Amino acid sequence: MTPELPLPLWQALIIAFILDMILGDPQGMPHPIRLMGRLIEGWEPRFRRLPIPTVWAGALFTLCLVALVWISAWLVLAAGAAMHPWLGAGLEIIILYFSIAPRCLDKAAYAVEKPLRQGDAEKARAELSMIVGRETKDLTPTQMSRAAVETVAENFVDGVLSPLFWIAVGGAPAAMAFKMTSTLDSMVGYKNEQYILFGKASARLDDVANFIPARLSIPIIALAARLLGLSHKAAFKTAVLEGKNHKSPNAGFPEAAFAGALEIRLNGPAVYHGELVDKPFLGEKFGDPGAEHITKARRLMLASSFLGLLFAVLAAAVF
């Protein structure tokens, strides 16, 4: 439930989406995600000192931060609406704008694609290292293209479809709670010695938050592929048959859908923190990607984002 505002949620969402497509993510502006990161860094040591098992300390840590962000967003909207209804509406638009990131994702992928097309592998590796967790220093152009397309596919759900889903479910406060969940997973949801216990709840909550959107992404990506003249049947079939083969319970579905739509192999073995991780290929029967497939992936992501917006707007308007 959100404070009553003069602008319907679906209209605020359309405005926020347009703002993102025009402005992207201005680096000079204060960003709530960066504030969330500081909260996580500041609170983690305090919760680790609690005299309870580490896994429970991590669960309490996750619960408190997600609840804090939801309550804070609700209070910001309520306070704005109390001062003036249209101030509350404006604040809602700003929160929604910060929740979705199709333009930022498109820009990050293009930053890798451009030097790859120009033959500047070192520049491409440097740009790629900013958006992926794997080691990039020894990657070939084919491997860099694969990594860039995978990132576009996976982050379509994390950065676009899941926020849209939670906006439709619970408005701006739910969107901010999701972003905190996602940020927690990216910072403490690792299966290493430091976070295997403390970050377990954060990782599981992120899995739950993305569970439905990841599966909704299959028909959305397939429909977008059809609109773009790509292999929509292969997108759907590959996602359904191979999406579950990914080590992540969610990431495999959009990645497999992109693999089918673009008819390329994604995923596969990669080096993380000096260790080779043997991951199965998605779309194994297809060929390897090139820089041109990053262009196609960006277009597919943007088309899928507009479709996701359409469905979220319809859901918000009806319910």
Protein backbone atom coordinates (compact mmCIF):
# COMPACT_ATOMS: atom_id res chain seq x y z
CA MET A 1 0.00 0.00 0.00
CA THR A 2 1.32 3.45 -0.92
CA PRO A 3 0.20 6.97 0.07
CA GLU A 4 -2.63 8.30 -2.07
CA LEU A 5 -1.24 10.57 -4.78
CA PRO A 6 -2.92 12.63 -7.52
CA LEU A 7 -1.08 10.82 -10.34
CA PRO A 8 -1.99 7.16 -10.98
CA LEU A 9 0.91 4.76 -10.57
CA TRP A 10 0.81 3.68 -14.20
CA GLN A 11 1.20 7.27 -15.40
CA ALA A 12 4.06 7.90 -12.98
CA LEU A 13 5.75 4.75 -14.25
CA ILE A 14 5.53 5.85 -17.89
CA ILE A 15 7.07 9.23 -17.02
CA ALA A 16 9.83 7.54 -15.01
CA PHE A 17 10.63 5.19 -17.89
CA ILE A 18 10.81 8.07 -20.35
CA LEU A 19 13.15 9.92 -17.99
CA ASP A 20 15.43 6.91 -17.82
CA MET A 21 15.53 6.59 -21.60
CA ILE A 22 16.41 10.30 -21.91
CA LEU A 23 18.73 10.81 -18.94
CA GLY A 24 20.03 7.35 -18.12
CA ASP A 25 21.84 7.30 -14.79
CA PRO A 26 23.52 10.72 -14.27
CA GLN A 27 26.70 10.08 -12.32
CA GLY A 28 26.68 13.43 -10.58
CA MET A 29 23.27 12.97 -8.96
CA PRO A 30 22.80 11.42 -5.50
CA HIS A 31 21.62 7.88 -6.13
CA PRO A 32 19.66 5.74 -3.63
CA ILE A 33 21.56 2.62 -4.72
CA ARG A 34 24.84 4.19 -3.62
CA LEU A 35 23.22 5.09 -0.29
CA MET A 36 22.10 1.48 0.06
CA GLY A 37 25.68 0.36 -0.53
CA ARG A 38 26.92 2.64 2.25
CA LEU A 39 24.23 1.33 4.61
CA ILE A 40 25.27 -2.24 3.89
CA GLU A 41 28.95 -1.45 4.51
CA GLY A 42 28.17 0.44 7.72
CA TRP A 43 25.73 -2.06 9.22
CA GLU A 44 27.49 -5.31 8.35
CA PRO A 45 30.13 -5.12 11.14
CA ARG A 46 27.44 -4.33 13.73
CA PHE A 47 25.33 -7.34 12.84
CA ARG A 48 28.37 -9.61 12.67
CA ARG A 49 29.07 -8.75 16.32
CA LEU A 50 25.64 -9.94 17.48
CA PRO A 51 25.87 -12.92 19.89
CA ILE A 52 23.86 -15.21 17.60
CA PRO A 53 24.84 -17.70 14.86
CA THR A 54 26.28 -15.99 11.79
CA VAL A 55 23.54 -17.21 9.47
CA TRP A 56 20.86 -15.72 11.74
CA ALA A 57 22.79 -12.46 12.07
CA GLY A 58 22.87 -12.27 8.28
CA ALA A 59 19.15 -12.98 8.05
CA LEU A 60 18.35 -10.25 10.57
CA PHE A 61 20.70 -7.90 8.73
CA THR A 62 18.86 -8.55 5.46
CA LEU A 63 15.40 -8.21 6.99
CA CYS A 64 16.23 -4.94 8.77
CA LEU A 65 17.77 -3.27 5.71
CA VAL A 66 15.00 -4.28 3.31
CA ALA A 67 12.32 -3.20 5.81
CA LEU A 68 14.15 0.08 6.46
CA VAL A 69 14.23 0.93 2.76
CA TRP A 70 10.55 0.04 2.24
CA ILE A 71 9.49 2.16 5.24
CA SER A 72 11.76 5.04 4.24
CA ALA A 73 10.36 5.15 0.71
CA TRP A 74 6.79 5.10 2.06
CA LEU A 75 7.56 7.90 4.53
CA VAL A 76 9.20 10.03 1.83
CA LEU A 77 6.08 9.73 -0.33
CA ALA A 78 3.76 10.36 2.62
CA ALA A 79 5.73 13.42 3.75
CA GLY A 80 5.82 14.81 0.22
CA ALA A 81 2.09 14.26 -0.25
CA ALA A 82 1.39 15.93 3.11
CA MET A 83 3.27 19.05 2.01
CA HIS A 84 1.64 19.06 -1.43
CA PRO A 85 0.02 16.21 -3.39
CA TRP A 86 2.03 16.98 -6.51
CA LEU A 87 5.27 17.01 -4.53
CA GLY A 88 4.44 13.46 -3.50
CA ALA A 89 3.76 12.56 -7.12
CA GLY A 90 7.06 14.07 -8.19
CA LEU A 91 8.95 12.13 -5.53
CA GLU A 92 7.25 8.93 -6.66
CA ILE A 93 8.38 9.54 -10.24
CA ILE A 94 11.96 10.12 -9.06
CA ILE A 95 11.97 6.90 -7.01
CA LEU A 96 10.58 4.92 -9.94
CA TYR A 97 13.14 6.52 -12.25
CA PHE A 98 15.97 5.35 -9.98
CA SER A 99 14.50 1.84 -9.88
CA ILE A 100 14.79 0.93 -13.57
CA ALA A 101 17.89 1.01 -15.75
CA PRO A 102 17.42 0.01 -19.41
CA ARG A 103 19.34 3.03 -20.73
CA CYS A 104 22.26 2.42 -18.35
CA LEU A 105 22.43 -1.25 -19.35
CA ASP A 106 22.35 -0.34 -23.04
CA LYS A 107 25.11 2.23 -22.56
CA ALA A 108 27.33 -0.19 -20.63
CA ALA A 109 27.02 -2.85 -23.34
CA TYR A 110 27.76 -0.33 -26.09
CA ALA A 111 30.92 0.72 -24.24
CA VAL A 112 32.20 -2.84 -24.78
CA GLU A 113 30.82 -3.22 -28.30
CA LYS A 114 32.36 -0.05 -29.72
CA PRO A 115 36.05 -0.88 -29.03
CA LEU A 116 35.46 -4.49 -30.09
CA ARG A 117 34.24 -3.29 -33.48
CA GLN A 118 37.25 -0.98 -33.70
CA GLY A 119 39.67 -3.80 -32.89
CA ASP A 120 40.71 -2.30 -29.54
CA ALA A 121 40.63 -5.43 -27.38
CA GLU A 122 42.34 -3.81 -24.38
CA LYS A 123 39.76 -1.04 -24.20
CA ALA A 124 36.97 -3.59 -24.55
CA ARG A 125 38.42 -5.67 -21.70
CA ALA A 126 38.63 -2.60 -19.48
CA GLU A 127 35.01 -1.67 -20.16
CA LEU A 128 33.83 -5.25 -19.73
CA SER A 129 35.57 -5.56 -16.37
CA MET A 130 33.26 -2.81 -15.09
CA ILE A 131 30.11 -4.87 -15.65
CA VAL A 132 31.04 -8.55 -15.15
CA GLY A 133 32.41 -10.57 -12.25
CA ARG A 134 34.70 -12.82 -14.29
CA GLU A 135 38.32 -12.07 -15.06
CA THR A 136 38.67 -10.28 -18.39
CA LYS A 137 42.43 -9.85 -18.95
CA ASP A 138 42.81 -12.97 -21.12
CA LEU A 139 39.43 -13.00 -22.87
CA THR A 140 39.28 -13.22 -26.65
CA PRO A 141 36.91 -10.97 -28.66
CA THR A 142 34.48 -13.90 -28.93
CA GLN A 143 34.54 -14.46 -25.16
CA MET A 144 34.09 -10.74 -24.53
CA SER A 145 31.11 -10.65 -26.88
CA ARG A 146 29.63 -13.64 -25.07
CA ALA A 147 30.13 -12.01 -21.66
CA ALA A 148 28.57 -8.74 -22.81
CA VAL A 149 25.48 -10.45 -24.24
CA GLU A 150 25.11 -12.55 -21.07
CA THR A 151 25.25 -9.40 -18.96
CA VAL A 152 22.59 -7.70 -21.07
CA ALA A 153 20.33 -10.76 -20.79
CA GLU A 154 20.75 -11.34 -17.06
CA ASN A 155 20.49 -7.68 -16.12
CA PHE A 156 17.37 -7.24 -18.21
CA VAL A 157 15.66 -9.13 -15.39
CA ASP A 158 17.63 -7.66 -12.47
CA GLY A 159 17.64 -4.08 -13.72
CA VAL A 160 14.40 -3.77 -15.66
CA LEU A 161 11.80 -6.53 -15.49
CA SER A 162 11.99 -7.33 -11.78
CA PRO A 163 11.71 -3.65 -10.74
CA LEU A 164 8.75 -3.26 -13.12
CA PHE A 165 7.14 -6.36 -11.62
CA TRP A 166 7.53 -5.11 -8.04
CA ILE A 167 6.36 -1.63 -8.99
CA ALA A 168 3.16 -3.19 -10.34
CA VAL A 169 2.82 -5.24 -7.13
CA GLY A 170 3.56 -2.60 -4.51
CA GLY A 171 4.49 0.73 -6.05
CA ALA A 172 7.63 2.75 -5.34
CA PRO A 173 8.28 1.33 -1.82
CA ALA A 174 8.27 -2.23 -3.20
CA ALA A 175 10.63 -1.15 -5.99
CA MET A 176 13.09 0.28 -3.46
CA ALA A 177 12.83 -2.85 -1.30
CA PHE A 178 13.70 -4.91 -4.37
CA LYS A 179 16.69 -2.69 -5.18
CA MET A 180 17.99 -3.14 -1.63
CA THR A 181 17.53 -6.91 -2.01
CA SER A 182 19.48 -6.83 -5.28
CA THR A 183 22.22 -4.64 -3.79
CA LEU A 184 22.56 -6.93 -0.78
CA ASP A 185 22.97 -9.92 -3.06
CA SER A 186 25.64 -8.16 -5.12
CA MET A 187 27.60 -7.18 -2.00
CA VAL A 188 27.20 -10.05 0.47
CA GLY A 189 25.50 -12.87 -1.45
CA TYR A 190 28.72 -14.75 -2.22
CA LYS A 191 29.47 -18.43 -1.62
CA ASN A 192 32.94 -17.79 -0.24
CA GLU A 193 34.34 -18.22 3.25
CA GLN A 194 33.48 -14.64 4.27
CA TYR A 195 29.84 -14.65 3.17
CA ILE A 196 28.68 -18.28 2.79
CA LEU A 197 26.76 -17.98 6.08
CA PHE A 198 26.28 -14.26 6.61
CA GLY A 199 25.12 -13.62 3.05
CA LYS A 200 22.94 -16.72 2.71
CA ALA A 201 19.65 -14.95 3.50
CA SER A 202 20.46 -12.08 1.11
CA ALA A 203 21.19 -14.50 -1.73
CA ARG A 204 18.05 -16.56 -1.09
CA LEU A 205 15.83 -13.46 -0.85
CA ASP A 206 17.21 -12.22 -4.17
CA ASP A 207 16.42 -15.61 -5.71
CA VAL A 208 12.84 -15.35 -4.45
CA ALA A 209 12.43 -11.73 -5.60
CA ASN A 210 13.55 -12.60 -9.15
CA PHE A 211 11.82 -15.99 -9.41
CA ILE A 212 8.61 -14.87 -11.13
CA PRO A 213 10.14 -12.09 -13.29
CA ALA A 214 12.86 -14.45 -14.58
CA ARG A 215 10.21 -16.84 -15.85
CA LEU A 216 8.00 -14.06 -17.17
CA SER A 217 11.01 -12.93 -19.18
CA ILE A 218 10.70 -15.97 -21.46
CA PRO A 219 7.49 -14.97 -23.28
CA ILE A 220 8.44 -11.29 -23.16
CA ILE A 221 11.84 -11.87 -24.80
CA ALA A 222 10.30 -14.26 -27.32
CA LEU A 223 7.65 -11.69 -28.25
CA ALA A 224 10.28 -8.96 -28.54
CA ALA A 225 12.36 -11.27 -30.75
CA ARG A 226 9.37 -11.78 -33.02
CA LEU A 227 8.83 -8.02 -33.31
CA LEU A 228 12.50 -7.58 -34.25
CA GLY A 229 12.50 -10.41 -36.78
CA LEU A 230 14.75 -12.63 -34.64
CA SER A 231 14.31 -16.31 -33.82
CA HIS A 232 11.36 -16.05 -31.43
CA LYS A 233 10.57 -19.78 -31.50
CA ALA A 234 14.18 -20.66 -30.67
CA ALA A 235 14.13 -18.05 -27.89
CA PHE A 236 11.16 -19.70 -26.21
CA LYS A 237 12.29 -23.27 -26.82
CA THR A 238 15.88 -22.71 -25.66
CA ALA A 239 14.73 -20.92 -22.50
CA VAL A 240 12.25 -23.64 -21.58
CA LEU A 241 14.59 -26.54 -22.31
CA GLU A 242 17.94 -25.13 -21.19
CA GLY A 243 17.24 -22.25 -18.81
CA LYS A 244 17.27 -24.53 -15.78
CA ASN A 245 20.81 -25.71 -16.64
CA HIS A 246 22.35 -22.50 -15.29
CA LYS A 247 23.84 -22.56 -11.80
CA SER A 248 21.63 -19.62 -10.89
CA PRO A 249 17.95 -20.51 -10.34
CA ASN A 250 16.92 -17.44 -12.35
CA ALA A 251 19.67 -16.11 -14.64
CA GLY A 252 19.54 -19.07 -17.01
CA PHE A 253 16.07 -18.27 -18.32
CA PRO A 254 16.71 -14.82 -19.83
CA GLU A 255 20.21 -15.88 -20.94
CA ALA A 256 18.86 -18.97 -22.70
CA ALA A 257 16.08 -16.89 -24.29
CA PHE A 258 18.68 -14.44 -25.65
CA ALA A 259 20.83 -17.33 -26.83
CA GLY A 260 17.92 -18.76 -28.79
CA ALA A 261 16.75 -15.41 -30.17
CA LEU A 262 20.26 -14.52 -31.39
CA GLU A 263 21.18 -18.13 -32.24
CA ILE A 264 24.46 -18.03 -30.32
CA ARG A 265 26.13 -19.97 -27.51
CA LEU A 266 26.16 -18.25 -24.12
CA ASN A 267 27.44 -19.12 -20.66
CA GLY A 268 30.14 -21.80 -20.57
CA PRO A 269 33.40 -22.01 -18.54
CA ALA A 270 34.83 -18.76 -17.13
CA VAL A 271 37.46 -17.68 -14.60
CA TYR A 272 36.29 -16.00 -11.39
CA HIS A 273 38.81 -14.78 -8.79
CA GLY A 274 41.53 -16.98 -10.25
CA GLU A 275 39.38 -20.14 -10.33
CA LEU A 276 37.95 -21.77 -13.45
CA VAL A 277 34.22 -22.32 -13.07
CA ASP A 278 32.86 -24.97 -15.41
CA LYS A 279 29.41 -23.75 -16.46
CA PRO A 280 27.30 -25.46 -19.13
CA PHE A 281 26.65 -23.70 -22.42
CA LEU A 282 23.19 -22.37 -23.20
CA GLY A 283 22.19 -22.67 -26.84
CA GLU A 284 24.99 -25.17 -27.34
CA LYS A 285 23.89 -26.09 -30.87
CA PHE A 286 24.41 -22.51 -32.04
CA GLY A 287 27.63 -20.73 -33.07
CA ASP A 288 29.83 -18.34 -31.11
CA PRO A 289 28.89 -14.64 -30.82
CA GLY A 290 30.65 -11.62 -32.25
CA ALA A 291 30.47 -7.89 -31.61
CA GLU A 292 27.45 -7.62 -33.92
CA HIS A 293 25.48 -9.79 -31.51
CA ILE A 294 25.96 -7.20 -28.76
CA THR A 295 24.09 -4.76 -31.00
CA LYS A 296 21.28 -7.27 -31.48
CA ALA A 297 21.22 -8.04 -27.74
CA ARG A 298 20.91 -4.36 -26.89
CA ARG A 299 18.00 -3.96 -29.29
CA LEU A 300 16.35 -7.10 -27.94
CA MET A 301 16.77 -5.86 -24.37
CA LEU A 302 15.23 -2.46 -25.19
CA ALA A 303 12.31 -4.04 -27.05
CA SER A 304 11.77 -6.43 -24.13
CA SER A 305 11.94 -3.49 -21.72
CA PHE A 306 9.19 -1.64 -23.57
CA LEU A 307 7.04 -4.77 -23.52
CA GLY A 308 7.75 -5.20 -19.80
CA LEU A 309 6.71 -1.58 -19.27
CA LEU A 310 3.49 -2.19 -21.20
CA PHE A 311 2.55 -5.18 -19.06
CA ALA A 312 3.49 -3.38 -15.82
CA VAL A 313 1.42 -0.35 -16.81
CA LEU A 314 -1.56 -2.55 -17.63
CA ALA A 315 -1.23 -4.41 -14.31
CA ALA A 316 -0.93 -1.17 -12.34
CA ALA A 317 -3.92 0.36 -14.14
CA VAL A 318 -6.16 -2.68 -13.64
CA PHE A 319 -5.21 -3.65 -10.11
